[in-house]
Amino acid sequence: MSKKENMKKINKKSGFTLFELLVSISIIAVLTAVAIVSFGGLNRKTRDARRTSDLEKIRLSLEAARQIGNTYPGDLTSLVGSSLLERVPLDPKGVGYSYAYSVGTSNYTYVLCSYMEDTGSTTANITECASCGTNSCNYKVINP
């Protein structure tokens, strides 16, 4: 091998071209954007599942209270006092979200409402939950 050929091998640099780098960065950016959008929807569905689970837990406690006292309690904190519920559940989103509870005039009916973020999975509209004293609910549980 001559000295000239040896210099060509040394001077030849390997690496990525600018175009290859731009394509790679673009693909990574698109995949990241898709992952972020998909993950955001998953969080909403998870919080909604927690809300429905909390409402079902409250409903079961209310039914147990009715079996004991023949009427539904006036508020949810009395369920905690009578050891039917460990604690009144808090909405997983926190600020601005809550569970609404109202008892019928005869104490033999109730409405339990919550706001669901994934509106495609709700079973009630806003007007049906007005009896809870709030218009921000779109999901309700009533006594059977």
Foldseek 3Di string as FASTA:
>chain_A
DDPVVVVVVVPDDDDDDPVVVVVVVVVVVVVVVVVVVVVVVVVLVVLLVVVVVLVVLLLVLQVVVCVVVVFGDQDSVVSCVVVSDVDRDARPVPPPWGWFKGADPVRHKIKIFTARPPLVPADACQVVCVRSVDSRTGHIDMHD
